[in-house]
């Protein structure tokens, strides 16, 4: 069953293997998801932290695709992913 963050996982998984990083704006991510990010993604960088256990479905989506968050700016609304 596909989850809310599966489109982000698929997008990252489908990037060329030679691409080691990608920076996405929050609006770009919402476009991929066809859904809004939760308000906590806009307010608290902990939402983006690299955890793969528990109910952090968002984090598992990019971790499952082999990526992790390198940096982000919740005020400027962007996140930089790098291959894990």
PDB file of N, CA and C in Angstrom:
ATOM      1  N   UNK A   1       0.844  -1.176   0.000  1.00  0.00           N
ATOM      2  CA  UNK A   1       0.000   0.000   0.000  1.00  0.00           C
ATOM      3  C   UNK A   1       0.889   1.239   0.000  1.00  0.00           C
ATOM      4  N   UNK A   2       0.643   2.132  -0.909  1.00  0.00           N
ATOM      5  CA  UNK A   2       1.440   3.340  -1.018  1.00  0.00           C
ATOM      6  C   UNK A   2       1.078   4.306   0.105  1.00  0.00           C
ATOM      7  N   UNK A   3       2.103   4.927   0.661  1.00  0.00           N
ATOM      8  CA  UNK A   3       1.889   5.895   1.718  1.00  0.00           C
ATOM      9  C   UNK A   3       1.925   7.312   1.185  1.00  0.00           C
ATOM     10  N   UNK A   4       1.626   8.237   2.054  1.00  0.00           N
ATOM     11  CA  UNK A   4       1.576   9.652   1.690  1.00  0.00           C
ATOM     12  C   UNK A   4       2.897  10.131   1.088  1.00  0.00           C
ATOM     13  N   UNK A   5       4.011   9.610   1.580  1.00  0.00           N
ATOM     14  CA  UNK A   5       5.325  10.091   1.157  1.00  0.00           C
ATOM     15  C   UNK A   5       5.970   9.229   0.070  1.00  0.00           C
ATOM     16  N   UNK A   6       5.248   8.236  -0.429  1.00  0.00           N
ATOM     17  CA  UNK A   6       5.773   7.375  -1.484  1.00  0.00           C
ATOM     18  C   UNK A   6       6.187   8.163  -2.735  1.00  0.00           C
ATOM     19  N   UNK A   7       5.428   9.188  -3.162  1.00  0.00           N
ATOM     20  CA  UNK A   7       5.879   9.941  -4.343  1.00  0.00           C
ATOM     21  C   UNK A   7       7.252  10.600  -4.152  1.00  0.00           C
ATOM     22  N   UNK A   8       7.551  11.057  -2.948  1.00  0.00           N
ATOM     23  CA  UNK A   8       8.870  11.631  -2.673  1.00  0.00           C
ATOM     24  C   UNK A   8       9.929  10.536  -2.727  1.00  0.00           C
ATOM     25  N   UNK A   9       9.628   9.405  -2.135  1.00  0.00           N
ATOM     26  CA  UNK A   9      10.553   8.271  -2.180  1.00  0.00           C
ATOM     27  C   UNK A   9      10.839   7.880  -3.624  1.00  0.00           C
ATOM     28  N   UNK A  10       9.804   7.780  -4.441  1.00  0.00           N
ATOM     29  CA  UNK A  10       9.980   7.400  -5.843  1.00  0.00           C
ATOM     30  C   UNK A  10      10.781   8.451  -6.607  1.00  0.00           C
ATOM     31  N   UNK A  11      10.507   9.713  -6.354  1.00  0.00           N
ATOM     32  CA  UNK A  11      11.248  10.786  -7.020  1.00  0.00           C
ATOM     33  C   UNK A  11      12.740  10.672  -6.718  1.00  0.00           C
ATOM     34  N   UNK A  12      13.078  10.504  -5.445  1.00  0.00           N
ATOM     35  CA  UNK A  12      14.488  10.395  -5.069  1.00  0.00           C
ATOM     36  C   UNK A  12      15.114   9.120  -5.632  1.00  0.00           C
ATOM     37  N   UNK A  13      14.387   8.041  -5.587  1.00  0.00           N
ATOM     38  CA  UNK A  13      14.889   6.760  -6.103  1.00  0.00           C
ATOM     39  C   UNK A  13      15.169   6.845  -7.602  1.00  0.00           C
ATOM     40  N   UNK A  14      14.361   7.626  -8.317  1.00  0.00           N
ATOM     41  CA  UNK A  14      14.479   7.714  -9.770  1.00  0.00           C
ATOM     42  C   UNK A  14      15.522   8.723 -10.256  1.00  0.00           C
ATOM     43  N   UNK A  15      16.140   9.468  -9.348  1.00  0.00           N
ATOM     44  CA  UNK A  15      17.183  10.399  -9.780  1.00  0.00           C
ATOM     45  C   UNK A  15      18.375   9.611 -10.313  1.00  0.00           C
ATOM     46  N   UNK A  16      19.117  10.169 -11.258  1.00  0.00           N
ATOM     47  CA  UNK A  16      20.267   9.451 -11.822  1.00  0.00           C
ATOM     48  C   UNK A  16      21.248   9.017 -10.731  1.00  0.00           C
ATOM     49  N   UNK A  17      21.797   7.843 -10.879  1.00  0.00           N
ATOM     50  CA  UNK A  17      22.690   7.295  -9.847  1.00  0.00           C
ATOM     51  C   UNK A  17      23.920   8.164  -9.619  1.00  0.00           C
ATOM     52  N   UNK A  18      24.323   8.931 -10.612  1.00  0.00           N
ATOM     53  CA  UNK A  18      25.474   9.818 -10.454  1.00  0.00           C
ATOM     54  C   UNK A  18      25.159  11.103  -9.720  1.00  0.00           C
ATOM     55  N   UNK A  19      23.894  11.367  -9.477  1.00  0.00           N
ATOM     56  CA  UNK A  19      23.502  12.587  -8.769  1.00  0.00           C
ATOM     57  C   UNK A  19      23.593  12.330  -7.277  1.00  0.00           C
ATOM     58  N   UNK A  20      24.432  13.098  -6.591  1.00  0.00           N
ATOM     59  CA  UNK A  20      24.667  12.838  -5.181  1.00  0.00           C
ATOM     60  C   UNK A  20      23.887  13.753  -4.250  1.00  0.00           C
ATOM     61  N   UNK A  21      23.252  14.797  -4.790  1.00  0.00           N
ATOM     62  CA  UNK A  21      22.480  15.693  -3.940  1.00  0.00           C
ATOM     63  C   UNK A  21      21.362  16.344  -4.742  1.00  0.00           C
ATOM     64  N   UNK A  22      20.350  16.787  -4.020  1.00  0.00           N
ATOM     65  CA  UNK A  22      19.245  17.526  -4.629  1.00  0.00           C
ATOM     66  C   UNK A  22      18.643  18.430  -3.558  1.00  0.00           C
ATOM     67  N   UNK A  23      18.350  19.654  -3.936  1.00  0.00           N
ATOM     68  CA  UNK A  23      17.693  20.596  -3.044  1.00  0.00           C
ATOM     69  C   UNK A  23      16.286  20.842  -3.561  1.00  0.00           C
ATOM     70  N   UNK A  24      15.325  20.662  -2.677  1.00  0.00           N
ATOM     71  CA  UNK A  24      13.920  20.836  -3.039  1.00  0.00           C
ATOM     72  C   UNK A  24      13.277  21.849  -2.112  1.00  0.00           C
ATOM     73  N   UNK A  25      12.470  22.706  -2.677  1.00  0.00           N
ATOM     74  CA  UNK A  25      11.659  23.603  -1.875  1.00  0.00           C
ATOM     75  C   UNK A  25      10.484  22.834  -1.300  1.00  0.00           C
ATOM     76  N   UNK A  26       9.966  23.310  -0.186  1.00  0.00           N
ATOM     77  CA  UNK A  26       8.827  22.631   0.425  1.00  0.00           C
ATOM     78  C   UNK A  26       7.649  22.570  -0.558  1.00  0.00           C
ATOM     79  N   UNK A  27       7.456  23.644  -1.343  1.00  0.00           N
ATOM     80  CA  UNK A  27       6.359  23.637  -2.319  1.00  0.00           C
ATOM     81  C   UNK A  27       6.583  22.579  -3.394  1.00  0.00           C
ATOM     82  N   UNK A  28       7.839  22.364  -3.788  1.00  0.00           N
ATOM     83  CA  UNK A  28       8.136  21.310  -4.765  1.00  0.00           C
ATOM     84  C   UNK A  28       7.770  19.946  -4.193  1.00  0.00           C
ATOM     85  N   UNK A  29       8.112  19.736  -2.937  1.00  0.00           N
ATOM     86  CA  UNK A  29       7.796  18.459  -2.284  1.00  0.00           C
ATOM     87  C   UNK A  29       6.286  18.282  -2.223  1.00  0.00           C
ATOM     88  N   UNK A  30       5.577  19.342  -1.871  1.00  0.00           N
ATOM     89  CA  UNK A  30       4.121  19.259  -1.815  1.00  0.00           C
ATOM     90  C   UNK A  30       3.542  18.967  -3.198  1.00  0.00           C
ATOM     91  N   UNK A  31       4.176  19.492  -4.232  1.00  0.00           N
ATOM     92  CA  UNK A  31       3.738  19.181  -5.590  1.00  0.00           C
ATOM     93  C   UNK A  31       3.904  17.705  -5.908  1.00  0.00           C
ATOM     94  N   UNK A  32       5.017  17.129  -5.486  1.00  0.00           N
ATOM     95  CA  UNK A  32       5.233  15.696  -5.686  1.00  0.00           C
ATOM     96  C   UNK A  32       4.189  14.881  -4.922  1.00  0.00           C
ATOM     97  N   UNK A  33       3.927  15.317  -3.694  1.00  0.00           N
ATOM     98  CA  UNK A  33       3.002  14.588  -2.828  1.00  0.00           C
ATOM     99  C   UNK A  33       1.542  14.814  -3.197  1.00  0.00           C
ATOM    100  N   UNK A  34       1.299  15.923  -3.923  1.00  0.00           N
ATOM    101  CA  UNK A  34      -0.078  16.351  -4.181  1.00  0.00           C
ATOM    102  C   UNK A  34      -0.825  16.510  -2.863  1.00  0.00           C
ATOM    103  N   UNK A  35      -0.090  17.019  -1.880  1.00  0.00           N
ATOM    104  CA  UNK A  35      -0.617  17.184  -0.533  1.00  0.00           C
ATOM    105  C   UNK A  35       0.287  18.152   0.218  1.00  0.00           C
ATOM    106  N   UNK A  36      -0.237  18.805   1.223  1.00  0.00           N
ATOM    107  CA  UNK A  36       0.545  19.733   2.031  1.00  0.00           C
ATOM    108  C   UNK A  36       1.400  18.967   3.035  1.00  0.00           C
ATOM    109  N   UNK A  37       2.575  19.503   3.294  1.00  0.00           N
ATOM    110  CA  UNK A  37       3.380  18.995   4.401  1.00  0.00           C
ATOM    111  C   UNK A  37       2.710  19.415   5.704  1.00  0.00           C
ATOM    112  N   UNK A  38       2.923  18.672   6.778  1.00  0.00           N
ATOM    113  CA  UNK A  38       2.333  19.085   8.055  1.00  0.00           C
ATOM    114  C   UNK A  38       2.969  20.390   8.539  1.00  0.00           C
ATOM    115  N   UNK A  39       2.260  21.115   9.351  1.00  0.00           N
ATOM    116  CA  UNK A  39       2.783  22.390   9.848  1.00  0.00           C
ATOM    117  C   UNK A  39       4.100  22.204  10.580  1.00  0.00           C
ATOM    118  N   UNK A  40       4.308  21.057  11.217  1.00  0.00           N
ATOM    119  CA  UNK A  40       5.558  20.817  11.931  1.00  0.00           C
ATOM    120  C   UNK A  40       6.762  20.806  10.992  1.00  0.00           C
ATOM    121  N   UNK A  41       6.572  20.459   9.724  1.00  0.00           N
ATOM    122  CA  UNK A  41       7.675  20.479   8.758  1.00  0.00           C
ATOM    123  C   UNK A  41       8.131  21.907   8.495  1.00  0.00           C
ATOM    124  N   UNK A  42       7.217  22.847   8.643  1.00  0.00           N
ATOM    125  CA  UNK A  42       7.521  24.258   8.428  1.00  0.00           C
ATOM    126  C   UNK A  42       8.050  24.948   9.687  1.00  0.00           C
ATOM    127  N   UNK A  43       7.845  24.313  10.831  1.00  0.00           N
ATOM    128  CA  UNK A  43       8.135  24.969  12.101  1.00  0.00           C
ATOM    129  C   UNK A  43       9.299  24.374  12.876  1.00  0.00           C
ATOM    130  N   UNK A  44       9.621  23.122  12.613  1.00  0.00           N
ATOM    131  CA  UNK A  44      10.565  22.427  13.489  1.00  0.00           C
ATOM    132  C   UNK A  44      11.465  21.510  12.663  1.00  0.00           C
ATOM    133  N   UNK A  45      12.752  21.783  12.697  1.00  0.00           N
ATOM    134  CA  UNK A  45      13.666  20.970  11.896  1.00  0.00           C
ATOM    135  C   UNK A  45      13.709  19.525  12.367  1.00  0.00           C
ATOM    136  N   UNK A  46      13.269  19.239  13.565  1.00  0.00           N
ATOM    137  CA  UNK A  46      13.262  17.850  14.041  1.00  0.00           C
ATOM    138  C   UNK A  46      12.376  16.963  13.173  1.00  0.00           C
ATOM    139  N   UNK A  47      11.364  17.555  12.500  1.00  0.00           N
ATOM    140  CA  UNK A  47      10.507  16.778  11.618  1.00  0.00           C
ATOM    141  C   UNK A  47      11.334  16.139  10.509  1.00  0.00           C
ATOM    142  N   UNK A  48      12.425  16.780  10.129  1.00  0.00           N
ATOM    143  CA  UNK A  48      13.258  16.338   9.017  1.00  0.00           C
ATOM    144  C   UNK A  48      14.415  15.437   9.449  1.00  0.00           C
ATOM    145  N   UNK A  49      14.591  15.216  10.739  1.00  0.00           N
ATOM    146  CA  UNK A  49      15.743  14.448  11.209  1.00  0.00           C
ATOM    147  C   UNK A  49      15.688  13.012  10.726  1.00  0.00           C
ATOM    148  N   UNK A  50      16.865  12.439  10.592  1.00  0.00           N
ATOM    149  CA  UNK A  50      17.025  11.105  10.006  1.00  0.00           C
ATOM    150  C   UNK A  50      16.753  10.018  11.047  1.00  0.00           C
ATOM    151  N   UNK A  51      15.516   9.587  11.096  1.00  0.00           N
ATOM    152  CA  UNK A  51      15.135   8.452  11.931  1.00  0.00           C
ATOM    153  C   UNK A  51      14.431   7.454  11.031  1.00  0.00           C
ATOM    154  N   UNK A  52      14.676   6.195  11.271  1.00  0.00           N
ATOM    155  CA  UNK A  52      14.039   5.176  10.431  1.00  0.00           C
ATOM    156  C   UNK A  52      13.115   4.268  11.229  1.00  0.00           C
ATOM    157  N   UNK A  53      12.954   4.537  12.505  1.00  0.00           N
ATOM    158  CA  UNK A  53      12.083   3.716  13.337  1.00  0.00           C
ATOM    159  C   UNK A  53      10.864   4.523  13.762  1.00  0.00           C
ATOM    160  N   UNK A  54       9.855   3.830  14.244  1.00  0.00           N
ATOM    161  CA  UNK A  54       8.673   4.502  14.767  1.00  0.00           C
ATOM    162  C   UNK A  54       7.741   4.972  13.673  1.00  0.00           C
ATOM    163  N   UNK A  55       7.018   6.031  13.953  1.00  0.00           N
ATOM    164  CA  UNK A  55       5.990   6.521  13.042  1.00  0.00           C
ATOM    165  C   UNK A  55       6.477   7.637  12.140  1.00  0.00           C
ATOM    166  N   UNK A  56       7.730   7.735  11.908  1.00  0.00           N
ATOM    167  CA  UNK A  56       8.293   8.807  11.086  1.00  0.00           C
ATOM    168  C   UNK A  56       8.266   8.397   9.618  1.00  0.00           C
ATOM    169  N   UNK A  57       7.075   8.274   9.073  1.00  0.00           N
ATOM    170  CA  UNK A  57       6.908   7.808   7.700  1.00  0.00           C
ATOM    171  C   UNK A  57       7.628   8.711   6.708  1.00  0.00           C
ATOM    172  N   UNK A  58       7.629  10.013   6.981  1.00  0.00           N
ATOM    173  CA  UNK A  58       8.315  10.947   6.099  1.00  0.00           C
ATOM    174  C   UNK A  58       9.795  10.601   5.984  1.00  0.00           C
ATOM    175  N   UNK A  59      10.441  10.352   7.101  1.00  0.00           N
ATOM    176  CA  UNK A  59      11.863  10.061   7.096  1.00  0.00           C
ATOM    177  C   UNK A  59      12.142   8.724   6.433  1.00  0.00           C
ATOM    178  N   UNK A  60      11.325   7.769   6.691  1.00  0.00           N
ATOM    179  CA  UNK A  60      11.533   6.463   6.067  1.00  0.00           C
ATOM    180  C   UNK A  60      11.441   6.566   4.557  1.00  0.00           C
ATOM    181  N   UNK A  61      10.612   7.447   4.047  1.00  0.00           N
ATOM    182  CA  UNK A  61      10.461   7.538   2.599  1.00  0.00           C
ATOM    183  C   UNK A  61      11.780   7.900   1.936  1.00  0.00           C
ATOM    184  N   UNK A  62      12.503   8.894   2.444  1.00  0.00           N
ATOM    185  CA  UNK A  62      13.766   9.219   1.792  1.00  0.00           C
ATOM    186  C   UNK A  62      14.872   8.266   2.211  1.00  0.00           C
ATOM    187  N   UNK A  63      14.823   7.747   3.422  1.00  0.00           N
ATOM    188  CA  UNK A  63      15.821   6.749   3.831  1.00  0.00           C
ATOM    189  C   UNK A  63      15.664   5.479   3.004  1.00  0.00           C
ATOM    190  N   UNK A  64      14.427   5.072   2.740  1.00  0.00           N
ATOM    191  CA  UNK A  64      14.175   3.889   1.916  1.00  0.00           C
ATOM    192  C   UNK A  64      14.725   4.061   0.509  1.00  0.00           C
ATOM    193  N   UNK A  65      14.748   5.300   0.036  1.00  0.00           N
ATOM    194  CA  UNK A  65      15.264   5.582  -1.304  1.00  0.00           C
ATOM    195  C   UNK A  65      16.782   5.748  -1.305  1.00  0.00           C
ATOM    196  N   UNK A  66      17.408   5.708  -0.116  1.00  0.00           N
ATOM    197  CA  UNK A  66      18.858   5.815  -0.032  1.00  0.00           C
ATOM    198  C   UNK A  66      19.367   7.241   0.126  1.00  0.00           C
ATOM    199  N   UNK A  67      18.537   8.131   0.658  1.00  0.00           N
ATOM    200  CA  UNK A  67      18.893   9.533   0.828  1.00  0.00           C
ATOM    201  C   UNK A  67      18.750   9.940   2.288  1.00  0.00           C
ATOM    202  N   UNK A  68      19.413  11.038   2.640  1.00  0.00           N
ATOM    203  CA  UNK A  68      19.258  11.630   3.960  1.00  0.00           C
ATOM    204  C   UNK A  68      19.312  13.149   3.841  1.00  0.00           C
ATOM    205  N   UNK A  69      18.800  13.825   4.835  1.00  0.00           N
ATOM    206  CA  UNK A  69      18.823  15.282   4.848  1.00  0.00           C
ATOM    207  C   UNK A  69      20.209  15.743   5.272  1.00  0.00           C
ATOM    208  N   UNK A  70      20.832  16.565   4.435  1.00  0.00           N
ATOM    209  CA  UNK A  70      22.123  17.143   4.794  1.00  0.00           C
ATOM    210  C   UNK A  70      21.935  18.502   5.461  1.00  0.00           C
ATOM    211  N   UNK A  71      21.028  19.299   4.913  1.00  0.00           N
ATOM    212  CA  UNK A  71      20.775  20.617   5.488  1.00  0.00           C
ATOM    213  C   UNK A  71      19.373  21.063   5.100  1.00  0.00           C
ATOM    214  N   UNK A  72      18.869  22.027   5.841  1.00  0.00           N
ATOM    215  CA  UNK A  72      17.566  22.571   5.532  1.00  0.00           C
ATOM    216  C   UNK A  72      17.429  23.942   6.156  1.00  0.00           C
ATOM    217  N   UNK A  73      16.459  24.674   5.658  1.00  0.00           N
ATOM    218  CA  UNK A  73      16.138  25.982   6.215  1.00  0.00           C
ATOM    219  C   UNK A  73      14.617  26.063   6.276  1.00  0.00           C
ATOM    220  N   UNK A  74      14.064  25.909   7.480  1.00  0.00           N
ATOM    221  CA  UNK A  74      12.610  25.918   7.598  1.00  0.00           C
ATOM    222  C   UNK A  74      12.040  27.312   7.335  1.00  0.00           C
ATOM    223  N   UNK A  75      12.862  28.348   7.503  1.00  0.00           N
ATOM    224  CA  UNK A  75      12.386  29.712   7.243  1.00  0.00           C
ATOM    225  C   UNK A  75      12.348  30.006   5.744  1.00  0.00           C
ATOM    226  N   UNK A  76      13.381  29.564   5.017  1.00  0.00           N
ATOM    227  CA  UNK A  76      13.423  29.751   3.562  1.00  0.00           C
ATOM    228  C   UNK A  76      12.673  28.626   2.837  1.00  0.00           C
ATOM    229  N   UNK A  77      12.305  27.590   3.585  1.00  0.00           N
ATOM    230  CA  UNK A  77      11.476  26.485   3.083  1.00  0.00           C
ATOM    231  C   UNK A  77      12.149  25.655   2.000  1.00  0.00           C
ATOM    232  N   UNK A  78      13.333  25.123   2.305  1.00  0.00           N
ATOM    233  CA  UNK A  78      14.010  24.204   1.405  1.00  0.00           C
ATOM    234  C   UNK A  78      14.741  23.143   2.212  1.00  0.00           C
ATOM    235  N   UNK A  79      15.018  22.024   1.569  1.00  0.00           N
ATOM    236  CA  UNK A  79      15.756  20.925   2.185  1.00  0.00           C
ATOM    237  C   UNK A  79      16.716  20.347   1.150  1.00  0.00           C
ATOM    238  N   UNK A  80      17.914  20.041   1.599  1.00  0.00           N
ATOM    239  CA  UNK A  80      18.930  19.446   0.730  1.00  0.00           C
ATOM    240  C   UNK A  80      19.112  17.988   1.130  1.00  0.00           C
ATOM    241  N   UNK A  81      18.859  17.098   0.178  1.00  0.00           N
ATOM    242  CA  UNK A  81      19.054  15.661   0.394  1.00  0.00           C
ATOM    243  C   UNK A  81      20.370  15.249  -0.252  1.00  0.00           C
ATOM    244  N   UNK A  82      21.061  14.300   0.382  1.00  0.00           N
ATOM    245  CA  UNK A  82      22.271  13.690  -0.195  1.00  0.00           C
ATOM    246  C   UNK A  82      22.103  12.181  -0.107  1.00  0.00           C
ATOM    247  N   UNK A  83      22.790  11.503  -1.012  1.00  0.00           N
ATOM    248  CA  UNK A  83      22.745  10.034  -0.971  1.00  0.00           C
ATOM    249  C   UNK A  83      23.421   9.550   0.312  1.00  0.00           C
ATOM    250  N   UNK A  84      22.758   8.619   0.946  1.00  0.00           N
ATOM    251  CA  UNK A  84      23.266   8.079   2.223  1.00  0.00           C
ATOM    252  C   UNK A  84      24.398   7.105   1.974  1.00  0.00           C
TER     253      UNK A  84
END
